[in-house]
Amino acid sequence: MKFQDIHLRDPFIMPYGGKYYLYGTRGRNAWETWGSLGFDVYISEDLINWSDPISVFEEFPGFWGTMNHWAPEVHEYKGKFYMFASFKNENCCRGTQILIADTPMGPFVPHSDDAITPHDWECLDGTFYIAKDGKPYIVFCHEWTQIGNGEICALQLTEDLKHAVGEPRLLFRAHDPAWSILPDWAAENNLIAYVTDGPFLYRGETGKLYMLWSSFAETGYVQAVAVSDNDDIDGNWSHEHPLLMEKDGGHGMLFTDYSGQLHLTLHAPNKRPMERPVLYDITEENGVLKRIKA
């Protein structure tokens, strides 16, 4: 399979063992209430040719997340593989649960008891971050659907990633950047919907800490970058960094291939059913991440 054959939102690529593992939200039924249940992995050796999808997680009897299985990420940590993924059911808030497997191909099973994000918050798109002092965190979105002006927050985890420690820390809000706007669909329906999507943390060549995240600007759905002033999770986050994707693509992440090239992957266009993973080369120049346009 090629990228154009893979209908996937929220792509996440993990290099491991000489191969690349691609995860994401199943695109065909992503927006249907009872659709997009379960997750797949696609495997490649060259980032061009990909395997057929291999199921790594499926809903099972008694699992709390009966709706909207979204945005899986997989991270190697202490010899295991941890999936951070969003789930919901009709009787409780959306949240990110942590799952575990022995290999990148799963099968992934629940690790945290249920959602590790606050149970009375509508949350999604949890990602993993290890602070300079070695403490693990989940960084996630507190959704606009509940609070209007969406937030990105950090929550410390226990070392075994099973439980939260303390209370969430607000990092920034969706409407903080000067470019942030209400999307057309929100304005047309008289909604307050400043969106936070898809945080991902990346430490640059000089030690600078960047956060990729997505929202809406005048040009559409964008891939933005925030920067911490102390190069750690508890810094003040600024939004002066240029956008990596100016329109119609987002929920991205960064990874380095086996030749040492840094890549951005995200889904584009942001229009169903056209979403596909795309890949760009990225350079870091004078503390600024730049997309090399094909």
C-alpha atoms as a PDB file:
ATOM      1  CA  MET A   1       0.000   0.000   0.000  1.00  0.00           C
ATOM      2  CA  LYS A   2       1.009   3.632  -0.566  1.00  0.00           C
ATOM      3  CA  PHE A   3      -0.071   6.588   1.564  1.00  0.00           C
ATOM      4  CA  GLN A   4      -2.778   7.421  -0.980  1.00  0.00           C
ATOM      5  CA  ASP A   5      -4.315   3.992  -0.287  1.00  0.00           C
ATOM      6  CA  ILE A   6      -4.469   4.460   3.495  1.00  0.00           C
ATOM      7  CA  HIS A   7      -7.562   6.297   4.767  1.00  0.00           C
ATOM      8  CA  LEU A   8      -6.264   7.447   8.130  1.00  0.00           C
ATOM      9  CA  ARG A   9      -6.579  10.466  10.386  1.00  0.00           C
ATOM     10  CA  ASP A  10      -4.122  11.467  13.117  1.00  0.00           C
ATOM     11  CA  PRO A  11      -1.150   9.455  11.778  1.00  0.00           C
ATOM     12  CA  PHE A  12       1.631   8.451  14.165  1.00  0.00           C
ATOM     13  CA  ILE A  13       4.847   6.760  12.988  1.00  0.00           C
ATOM     14  CA  MET A  14       7.182   4.930  15.350  1.00  0.00           C
ATOM     15  CA  PRO A  15      10.572   3.724  14.077  1.00  0.00           C
ATOM     16  CA  TYR A  16      11.585   0.490  15.780  1.00  0.00           C
ATOM     17  CA  GLY A  17      13.869  -2.394  14.927  1.00  0.00           C
ATOM     18  CA  GLY A  18      14.681  -1.181  11.435  1.00  0.00           C
ATOM     19  CA  LYS A  19      11.034  -0.774  10.446  1.00  0.00           C
ATOM     20  CA  TYR A  20       8.384   1.937  10.670  1.00  0.00           C
ATOM     21  CA  TYR A  21       5.033   1.396  12.385  1.00  0.00           C
ATOM     22  CA  LEU A  22       2.114   3.621  11.368  1.00  0.00           C
ATOM     23  CA  TYR A  23      -0.944   3.997  13.623  1.00  0.00           C
ATOM     24  CA  GLY A  24      -3.944   6.334  13.451  1.00  0.00           C
ATOM     25  CA  THR A  25      -7.697   6.771  13.512  1.00  0.00           C
ATOM     26  CA  ARG A  26      -9.524   4.546  11.045  1.00  0.00           C
ATOM     27  CA  GLY A  27     -10.779   7.101   8.567  1.00  0.00           C
ATOM     28  CA  ARG A  28     -13.835   5.460   7.047  1.00  0.00           C
ATOM     29  CA  ASN A  29     -16.104   5.786  10.091  1.00  0.00           C
ATOM     30  CA  ALA A  30     -14.135   8.273  12.192  1.00  0.00           C
ATOM     31  CA  TRP A  31     -17.041  10.688  12.673  1.00  0.00           C
ATOM     32  CA  GLU A  32     -19.835   8.166  13.103  1.00  0.00           C
ATOM     33  CA  THR A  33     -21.014   7.765  16.686  1.00  0.00           C
ATOM     34  CA  TRP A  34     -20.461   4.016  16.752  1.00  0.00           C
ATOM     35  CA  GLY A  35     -17.834   3.913  14.032  1.00  0.00           C
ATOM     36  CA  SER A  36     -14.052   3.749  13.948  1.00  0.00           C
ATOM     37  CA  LEU A  37     -13.792   1.124  16.672  1.00  0.00           C
ATOM     38  CA  GLY A  38     -10.349  -0.421  17.003  1.00  0.00           C
ATOM     39  CA  PHE A  39      -6.870   0.394  15.725  1.00  0.00           C
ATOM     40  CA  ASP A  40      -4.514  -0.953  13.069  1.00  0.00           C
ATOM     41  CA  VAL A  41      -0.815  -0.805  12.346  1.00  0.00           C
ATOM     42  CA  TYR A  42       0.806  -0.526   8.911  1.00  0.00           C
ATOM     43  CA  ILE A  43       4.457  -1.580   8.593  1.00  0.00           C
ATOM     44  CA  SER A  44       7.111  -0.267   6.208  1.00  0.00           C
ATOM     45  CA  GLU A  45      10.848  -0.537   5.654  1.00  0.00           C
ATOM     46  CA  ASP A  46      11.160   2.536   3.419  1.00  0.00           C
ATOM     47  CA  LEU A  47       8.291   4.935   4.330  1.00  0.00           C
ATOM     48  CA  ILE A  48       6.898   4.405   0.820  1.00  0.00           C
ATOM     49  CA  ASN A  49       5.556   0.860   0.677  1.00  0.00           C
ATOM     50  CA  TRP A  50       3.287  -0.186   3.536  1.00  0.00           C
ATOM     51  CA  SER A  51       1.722  -3.458   4.586  1.00  0.00           C
ATOM     52  CA  ASP A  52      -1.996  -4.052   4.653  1.00  0.00           C
ATOM     53  CA  PRO A  53      -3.558  -3.010   7.979  1.00  0.00           C
ATOM     54  CA  ILE A  54      -2.974  -5.357  10.906  1.00  0.00           C
ATOM     55  CA  SER A  55      -5.396  -5.036  13.818  1.00  0.00           C
ATOM     56  CA  VAL A  56      -3.679  -4.234  17.116  1.00  0.00           C
ATOM     57  CA  PHE A  57      -6.745  -3.409  19.233  1.00  0.00           C
ATOM     58  CA  GLU A  58     -10.467  -4.140  18.964  1.00  0.00           C
ATOM     59  CA  GLU A  59     -13.337  -3.320  21.280  1.00  0.00           C
ATOM     60  CA  PHE A  60     -14.193  -6.275  23.504  1.00  0.00           C
ATOM     61  CA  PRO A  61     -17.161  -7.101  25.799  1.00  0.00           C
ATOM     62  CA  GLY A  62     -17.038  -4.991  28.946  1.00  0.00           C
ATOM     63  CA  PHE A  63     -14.616  -2.392  27.556  1.00  0.00           C
ATOM     64  CA  TRP A  64     -15.809   1.075  28.557  1.00  0.00           C
ATOM     65  CA  GLY A  65     -14.907   2.809  25.292  1.00  0.00           C
ATOM     66  CA  THR A  66     -17.823   1.934  23.046  1.00  0.00           C
ATOM     67  CA  MET A  67     -17.557   5.018  20.794  1.00  0.00           C
ATOM     68  CA  ASN A  68     -15.007   7.087  18.860  1.00  0.00           C
ATOM     69  CA  HIS A  69     -11.714   5.232  19.083  1.00  0.00           C
ATOM     70  CA  TRP A  70      -9.377   8.051  18.070  1.00  0.00           C
ATOM     71  CA  ALA A  71      -5.729   9.114  17.720  1.00  0.00           C
ATOM     72  CA  PRO A  72      -3.602   6.210  18.965  1.00  0.00           C
ATOM     73  CA  GLU A  73       0.068   6.881  19.679  1.00  0.00           C
ATOM     74  CA  VAL A  74       2.570   4.148  20.584  1.00  0.00           C
ATOM     75  CA  HIS A  75       5.674   4.825  22.677  1.00  0.00           C
ATOM     76  CA  GLU A  76       8.389   2.436  23.834  1.00  0.00           C
ATOM     77  CA  TYR A  77       9.027   2.820  27.564  1.00  0.00           C
ATOM     78  CA  LYS A  78      10.950   0.551  29.929  1.00  0.00           C
ATOM     79  CA  GLY A  79      10.887  -2.389  27.528  1.00  0.00           C
ATOM     80  CA  LYS A  80       7.148  -2.294  26.767  1.00  0.00           C
ATOM     81  CA  PHE A  81       4.989  -0.497  24.214  1.00  0.00           C
ATOM     82  CA  TYR A  82       2.329   1.885  25.475  1.00  0.00           C
ATOM     83  CA  MET A  83      -0.604   3.112  23.417  1.00  0.00           C
ATOM     84  CA  PHE A  84      -2.224   6.404  24.371  1.00  0.00           C
ATOM     85  CA  ALA A  85      -5.676   6.523  22.721  1.00  0.00           C
ATOM     86  CA  SER A  86      -8.976   8.373  23.105  1.00  0.00           C
ATOM     87  CA  PHE A  87     -12.287   6.634  23.827  1.00  0.00           C
ATOM     88  CA  LYS A  88     -15.820   7.594  24.814  1.00  0.00           C
ATOM     89  CA  ASN A  89     -19.187   6.109  25.661  1.00  0.00           C
ATOM     90  CA  GLU A  90     -22.652   7.630  25.849  1.00  0.00           C
ATOM     91  CA  ASN A  91     -22.613   7.768  29.656  1.00  0.00           C
ATOM     92  CA  CYS A  92     -19.225   9.327  30.374  1.00  0.00           C
ATOM     93  CA  CYS A  93     -16.743  11.897  29.135  1.00  0.00           C
ATOM     94  CA  ARG A  94     -14.234  11.219  26.410  1.00  0.00           C
ATOM     95  CA  GLY A  95     -10.768  10.465  27.772  1.00  0.00           C
ATOM     96  CA  THR A  96      -7.361   9.016  26.988  1.00  0.00           C
ATOM     97  CA  GLN A  97      -6.582   5.538  28.275  1.00  0.00           C
ATOM     98  CA  ILE A  98      -3.163   3.891  28.286  1.00  0.00           C
ATOM     99  CA  LEU A  99      -2.841   0.400  26.822  1.00  0.00           C
ATOM    100  CA  ILE A 100       0.172  -1.933  26.790  1.00  0.00           C
ATOM    101  CA  ALA A 101       1.744  -4.597  24.560  1.00  0.00           C
ATOM    102  CA  ASP A 102       4.975  -6.560  24.317  1.00  0.00           C
ATOM    103  CA  THR A 103       5.555  -5.614  20.674  1.00  0.00           C
ATOM    104  CA  PRO A 104       4.564  -2.748  18.339  1.00  0.00           C
ATOM    105  CA  MET A 105       2.136  -5.159  16.661  1.00  0.00           C
ATOM    106  CA  GLY A 106       0.153  -5.693  19.842  1.00  0.00           C
ATOM    107  CA  PRO A 107      -2.260  -6.953  20.822  1.00  0.00           C
ATOM    108  CA  PHE A 108      -2.709  -3.934  23.076  1.00  0.00           C
ATOM    109  CA  VAL A 109      -4.651  -4.440  26.303  1.00  0.00           C
ATOM    110  CA  PRO A 110      -5.769  -1.916  28.946  1.00  0.00           C
ATOM    111  CA  HIS A 111      -3.010  -0.757  31.286  1.00  0.00           C
ATOM    112  CA  SER A 112      -4.578   2.138  33.189  1.00  0.00           C
ATOM    113  CA  ASP A 113      -7.903   1.200  34.800  1.00  0.00           C
ATOM    114  CA  ASP A 114      -9.840   3.397  32.345  1.00  0.00           C
ATOM    115  CA  ALA A 115      -9.313   6.963  31.144  1.00  0.00           C
ATOM    116  CA  ILE A 116      -6.307   8.448  32.925  1.00  0.00           C
ATOM    117  CA  THR A 117      -7.454  11.999  32.116  1.00  0.00           C
ATOM    118  CA  PRO A 118      -9.942  13.629  34.542  1.00  0.00           C
ATOM    119  CA  HIS A 119     -13.223  11.715  34.421  1.00  0.00           C
ATOM    120  CA  ASP A 120     -15.378  14.849  34.540  1.00  0.00           C
ATOM    121  CA  TRP A 121     -13.488  16.517  31.666  1.00  0.00           C
ATOM    122  CA  GLU A 122     -14.028  15.964  27.962  1.00  0.00           C
ATOM    123  CA  CYS A 123     -10.474  15.100  26.870  1.00  0.00           C
ATOM    124  CA  LEU A 124      -8.709  13.676  23.848  1.00  0.00           C
ATOM    125  CA  ASP A 125      -5.399  13.265  22.007  1.00  0.00           C
ATOM    126  CA  GLY A 126      -3.183  12.333  24.927  1.00  0.00           C
ATOM    127  CA  THR A 127       0.550  12.131  24.172  1.00  0.00           C
ATOM    128  CA  PHE A 128       3.554  10.995  26.216  1.00  0.00           C
ATOM    129  CA  TYR A 129       6.359  13.187  27.551  1.00  0.00           C
ATOM    130  CA  ILE A 130       9.269  12.536  29.910  1.00  0.00           C
ATOM    131  CA  ALA A 131      10.452  15.678  31.718  1.00  0.00           C
ATOM    132  CA  LYS A 132      14.072  16.594  32.296  1.00  0.00           C
ATOM    133  CA  ASP A 133      13.860  15.150  35.815  1.00  0.00           C
ATOM    134  CA  GLY A 134      12.666  11.812  34.417  1.00  0.00           C
ATOM    135  CA  LYS A 135       9.040  12.129  35.515  1.00  0.00           C
ATOM    136  CA  PRO A 136       6.483  10.877  32.961  1.00  0.00           C
ATOM    137  CA  TYR A 137       3.546  13.010  31.829  1.00  0.00           C
ATOM    138  CA  ILE A 138       0.504  12.807  29.646  1.00  0.00           C
ATOM    139  CA  VAL A 139      -0.161  15.989  27.671  1.00  0.00           C
ATOM    140  CA  PHE A 140      -3.720  16.214  26.383  1.00  0.00           C
ATOM    141  CA  CYS A 141      -6.532  18.429  25.122  1.00  0.00           C
ATOM    142  CA  HIS A 142      -9.379  19.597  27.353  1.00  0.00           C
ATOM    143  CA  GLU A 143     -12.017  19.884  24.653  1.00  0.00           C
ATOM    144  CA  TRP A 144     -13.785  22.974  23.375  1.00  0.00           C
ATOM    145  CA  THR A 145     -16.996  20.896  23.414  1.00  0.00           C
ATOM    146  CA  GLN A 146     -17.043  21.352  27.189  1.00  0.00           C
ATOM    147  CA  ILE A 147     -15.283  24.669  27.780  1.00  0.00           C
ATOM    148  CA  GLY A 148     -15.489  26.641  24.519  1.00  0.00           C
ATOM    149  CA  ASN A 149     -11.878  27.798  24.529  1.00  0.00           C
ATOM    150  CA  GLY A 150     -10.014  24.502  24.326  1.00  0.00           C
ATOM    151  CA  GLU A 151      -6.965  23.884  26.507  1.00  0.00           C
ATOM    152  CA  ILE A 152      -3.774  21.854  26.396  1.00  0.00           C
ATOM    153  CA  CYS A 153      -2.842  20.478  29.799  1.00  0.00           C
ATOM    154  CA  ALA A 154      -0.156  18.289  31.347  1.00  0.00           C
ATOM    155  CA  LEU A 155      -0.708  15.657  34.026  1.00  0.00           C
ATOM    156  CA  GLN A 156       2.071  13.807  35.806  1.00  0.00           C
ATOM    157  CA  LEU A 157       1.888  10.000  35.807  1.00  0.00           C
ATOM    158  CA  THR A 158       3.221   7.366  38.159  1.00  0.00           C
ATOM    159  CA  GLU A 159       6.420   5.704  36.949  1.00  0.00           C
ATOM    160  CA  ASP A 160       4.470   2.612  35.850  1.00  0.00           C
ATOM    161  CA  LEU A 161       2.025   4.810  33.826  1.00  0.00           C
ATOM    162  CA  LYS A 162      -0.972   3.319  35.619  1.00  0.00           C
ATOM    163  CA  HIS A 163      -2.206   6.350  37.548  1.00  0.00           C
ATOM    164  CA  ALA A 164      -2.249  10.145  37.544  1.00  0.00           C
ATOM    165  CA  VAL A 165      -0.329  12.174  40.112  1.00  0.00           C
ATOM    166  CA  GLY A 166      -1.842  15.429  41.368  1.00  0.00           C
ATOM    167  CA  GLU A 167      -3.924  17.782  39.252  1.00  0.00           C
ATOM    168  CA  PRO A 168      -3.617  18.831  35.590  1.00  0.00           C
ATOM    169  CA  ARG A 169      -1.481  21.856  34.775  1.00  0.00           C
ATOM    170  CA  LEU A 170      -2.807  24.291  32.159  1.00  0.00           C
ATOM    171  CA  LEU A 171      -0.173  24.962  29.493  1.00  0.00           C
ATOM    172  CA  PHE A 172      -2.140  27.227  27.152  1.00  0.00           C
ATOM    173  CA  ARG A 173      -5.534  27.830  25.567  1.00  0.00           C
ATOM    174  CA  ALA A 174      -6.605  27.580  21.936  1.00  0.00           C
ATOM    175  CA  HIS A 175      -7.338  31.287  21.555  1.00  0.00           C
ATOM    176  CA  ASP A 176      -3.945  32.408  22.940  1.00  0.00           C
ATOM    177  CA  PRO A 177      -2.225  32.706  19.513  1.00  0.00           C
ATOM    178  CA  ALA A 178      -3.020  35.824  17.504  1.00  0.00           C
ATOM    179  CA  TRP A 179      -3.873  33.654  14.467  1.00  0.00           C
ATOM    180  CA  SER A 180      -6.528  31.554  16.257  1.00  0.00           C
ATOM    181  CA  ILE A 181     -10.116  31.946  14.987  1.00  0.00           C
ATOM    182  CA  LEU A 182     -13.511  30.308  15.212  1.00  0.00           C
ATOM    183  CA  PRO A 183     -13.839  27.876  12.293  1.00  0.00           C
ATOM    184  CA  ASP A 184     -16.628  28.565   9.813  1.00  0.00           C
ATOM    185  CA  TRP A 185     -18.704  25.623  10.999  1.00  0.00           C
ATOM    186  CA  ALA A 186     -18.661  27.014  14.556  1.00  0.00           C
ATOM    187  CA  ALA A 187     -19.594  30.541  13.529  1.00  0.00           C
ATOM    188  CA  GLU A 188     -22.411  29.253  11.320  1.00  0.00           C
ATOM    189  CA  ASN A 189     -23.874  27.297  14.261  1.00  0.00           C
ATOM    190  CA  ASN A 190     -23.295  30.027  16.861  1.00  0.00           C
ATOM    191  CA  LEU A 191     -20.794  27.874  18.761  1.00  0.00           C
ATOM    192  CA  ILE A 192     -17.807  28.943  20.817  1.00  0.00           C
ATOM    193  CA  ALA A 193     -15.289  26.467  19.454  1.00  0.00           C
ATOM    194  CA  TYR A 194     -11.639  27.422  19.774  1.00  0.00           C
ATOM    195  CA  VAL A 195     -10.096  24.038  19.060  1.00  0.00           C
ATOM    196  CA  THR A 196      -7.050  22.285  20.511  1.00  0.00           C
ATOM    197  CA  ASP A 197      -6.030  19.088  18.708  1.00  0.00           C
ATOM    198  CA  GLY A 198      -3.132  16.681  18.662  1.00  0.00           C
ATOM    199  CA  PRO A 199      -0.332  17.865  20.979  1.00  0.00           C
ATOM    200  CA  PHE A 200       3.056  16.250  20.391  1.00  0.00           C
ATOM    201  CA  LEU A 201       6.313  17.098  22.185  1.00  0.00           C
ATOM    202  CA  TYR A 202       9.668  17.234  20.402  1.00  0.00           C
ATOM    203  CA  ARG A 203      13.072  18.165  21.784  1.00  0.00           C
ATOM    204  CA  GLY A 204      15.188  19.918  19.181  1.00  0.00           C
ATOM    205  CA  GLU A 205      18.870  19.677  18.390  1.00  0.00           C
ATOM    206  CA  THR A 206      19.737  22.479  20.817  1.00  0.00           C
ATOM    207  CA  GLY A 207      17.537  21.155  23.633  1.00  0.00           C
ATOM    208  CA  LYS A 208      14.631  23.470  22.845  1.00  0.00           C
ATOM    209  CA  LEU A 209      11.220  21.922  23.610  1.00  0.00           C
ATOM    210  CA  TYR A 210       8.603  22.301  20.882  1.00  0.00           C
ATOM    211  CA  MET A 211       4.951  21.305  20.961  1.00  0.00           C
ATOM    212  CA  LEU A 212       3.108  20.549  17.759  1.00  0.00           C
ATOM    213  CA  TRP A 213      -0.649  21.091  17.956  1.00  0.00           C
ATOM    214  CA  SER A 214      -3.508  21.881  15.588  1.00  0.00           C
ATOM    215  CA  SER A 215      -6.324  24.402  15.458  1.00  0.00           C
ATOM    216  CA  PHE A 216      -8.024  26.787  13.033  1.00  0.00           C
ATOM    217  CA  ALA A 217      -6.659  29.953  11.448  1.00  0.00           C
ATOM    218  CA  GLU A 218      -7.966  32.161   8.640  1.00  0.00           C
ATOM    219  CA  THR A 219      -6.351  29.733   6.194  1.00  0.00           C
ATOM    220  CA  GLY A 220      -8.077  26.660   7.668  1.00  0.00           C
ATOM    221  CA  TYR A 221      -6.946  23.706   9.777  1.00  0.00           C
ATOM    222  CA  VAL A 222      -3.265  24.314  10.578  1.00  0.00           C
ATOM    223  CA  GLN A 223      -0.252  22.600  12.080  1.00  0.00           C
ATOM    224  CA  ALA A 224       1.096  24.945  14.735  1.00  0.00           C
ATOM    225  CA  VAL A 225       4.176  24.933  16.962  1.00  0.00           C
ATOM    226  CA  ALA A 226       4.462  26.301  20.504  1.00  0.00           C
ATOM    227  CA  VAL A 227       7.794  26.715  22.297  1.00  0.00           C
ATOM    228  CA  SER A 228       8.580  26.435  26.019  1.00  0.00           C
ATOM    229  CA  ASP A 229      10.722  29.206  27.480  1.00  0.00           C
ATOM    230  CA  ASN A 230      12.542  26.860  29.890  1.00  0.00           C
ATOM    231  CA  ASP A 231      12.732  23.828  27.581  1.00  0.00           C
ATOM    232  CA  ASP A 232      10.475  21.761  29.830  1.00  0.00           C
ATOM    233  CA  ILE A 233       6.814  21.057  30.400  1.00  0.00           C
ATOM    234  CA  ASP A 234       6.398  23.639  33.189  1.00  0.00           C
ATOM    235  CA  GLY A 235       7.646  26.577  31.111  1.00  0.00           C
ATOM    236  CA  ASN A 236       5.654  29.412  29.583  1.00  0.00           C
ATOM    237  CA  TRP A 237       4.547  28.540  26.057  1.00  0.00           C
ATOM    238  CA  SER A 238       4.821  31.068  23.237  1.00  0.00           C
ATOM    239  CA  HIS A 239       3.197  30.979  19.798  1.00  0.00           C
ATOM    240  CA  GLU A 240       5.490  33.125  17.655  1.00  0.00           C
ATOM    241  CA  HIS A 241       6.908  30.097  15.831  1.00  0.00           C
ATOM    242  CA  PRO A 242       5.777  29.981  12.162  1.00  0.00           C
ATOM    243  CA  LEU A 243       3.049  27.513  11.273  1.00  0.00           C
ATOM    244  CA  LEU A 244       4.321  24.227   9.830  1.00  0.00           C
ATOM    245  CA  MET A 245       1.162  23.677   7.763  1.00  0.00           C
ATOM    246  CA  GLU A 246      -0.770  26.778   6.758  1.00  0.00           C
ATOM    247  CA  LYS A 247      -4.011  25.098   5.731  1.00  0.00           C
ATOM    248  CA  ASP A 248      -5.951  21.882   5.334  1.00  0.00           C
ATOM    249  CA  GLY A 249      -3.689  19.553   7.294  1.00  0.00           C
ATOM    250  CA  GLY A 250      -2.918  18.812  10.905  1.00  0.00           C
ATOM    251  CA  HIS A 251      -2.749  16.521  13.915  1.00  0.00           C
ATOM    252  CA  GLY A 252       0.901  15.860  13.226  1.00  0.00           C
ATOM    253  CA  MET A 253       3.986  14.414  14.869  1.00  0.00           C
ATOM    254  CA  LEU A 254       7.728  14.365  14.253  1.00  0.00           C
ATOM    255  CA  PHE A 255      10.084  11.407  13.948  1.00  0.00           C
ATOM    256  CA  THR A 256      13.618  10.795  12.693  1.00  0.00           C
ATOM    257  CA  ASP A 257      14.171   8.118  10.054  1.00  0.00           C
ATOM    258  CA  TYR A 258      17.080   5.696   9.962  1.00  0.00           C
ATOM    259  CA  SER A 259      19.130   8.019   7.775  1.00  0.00           C
ATOM    260  CA  GLY A 260      18.838  10.826  10.347  1.00  0.00           C
ATOM    261  CA  GLN A 261      16.223  12.892   8.477  1.00  0.00           C
ATOM    262  CA  LEU A 262      13.524  14.544  10.590  1.00  0.00           C
ATOM    263  CA  HIS A 263       9.979  14.135   9.218  1.00  0.00           C
ATOM    264  CA  LEU A 264       6.558  15.585   9.889  1.00  0.00           C
ATOM    265  CA  THR A 265       3.576  13.340   9.300  1.00  0.00           C
ATOM    266  CA  LEU A 266      -0.026  14.564   9.503  1.00  0.00           C
ATOM    267  CA  HIS A 267      -3.317  13.981   7.736  1.00  0.00           C
ATOM    268  CA  ALA A 268      -4.343  16.080   4.746  1.00  0.00           C
ATOM    269  CA  PRO A 269      -6.640  17.305   3.501  1.00  0.00           C
ATOM    270  CA  ASN A 270      -8.787  17.771   6.586  1.00  0.00           C
ATOM    271  CA  LYS A 271     -11.893  16.762   4.676  1.00  0.00           C
ATOM    272  CA  ARG A 272     -13.674  13.437   4.794  1.00  0.00           C
ATOM    273  CA  PRO A 273     -13.313  11.020   3.117  1.00  0.00           C
ATOM    274  CA  MET A 274     -10.111  12.427   1.588  1.00  0.00           C
ATOM    275  CA  GLU A 275      -7.822  12.291   4.652  1.00  0.00           C
ATOM    276  CA  ARG A 276      -4.530  10.509   4.036  1.00  0.00           C
ATOM    277  CA  PRO A 277      -1.162  10.457   5.813  1.00  0.00           C
ATOM    278  CA  VAL A 278       1.382  12.801   4.261  1.00  0.00           C
ATOM    279  CA  LEU A 279       5.092  13.133   4.928  1.00  0.00           C
ATOM    280  CA  TYR A 280       7.377  16.177   4.847  1.00  0.00           C
ATOM    281  CA  ASP A 281      11.078  16.637   5.536  1.00  0.00           C
ATOM    282  CA  ILE A 282      11.773  19.062   8.381  1.00  0.00           C
ATOM    283  CA  THR A 283      14.857  21.114   9.124  1.00  0.00           C
ATOM    284  CA  GLU A 284      15.751  22.968  12.318  1.00  0.00           C
ATOM    285  CA  GLU A 285      17.442  26.291  11.625  1.00  0.00           C
ATOM    286  CA  ASN A 286      18.328  28.763  14.368  1.00  0.00           C
ATOM    287  CA  GLY A 287      15.745  27.283  16.685  1.00  0.00           C
ATOM    288  CA  VAL A 288      12.965  27.248  14.072  1.00  0.00           C
ATOM    289  CA  LEU A 289      11.403  24.107  12.596  1.00  0.00           C
ATOM    290  CA  LYS A 290      10.835  24.454   8.851  1.00  0.00           C
ATOM    291  CA  ARG A 291       8.878  22.250   6.473  1.00  0.00           C
ATOM    292  CA  ILE A 292      10.639  21.457   3.223  1.00  0.00           C
ATOM    293  CA  LYS A 293       7.874  21.777   0.672  1.00  0.00           C
ATOM    294  CA  ALA A 294       7.794  19.137  -2.051  1.00  0.00           C
END
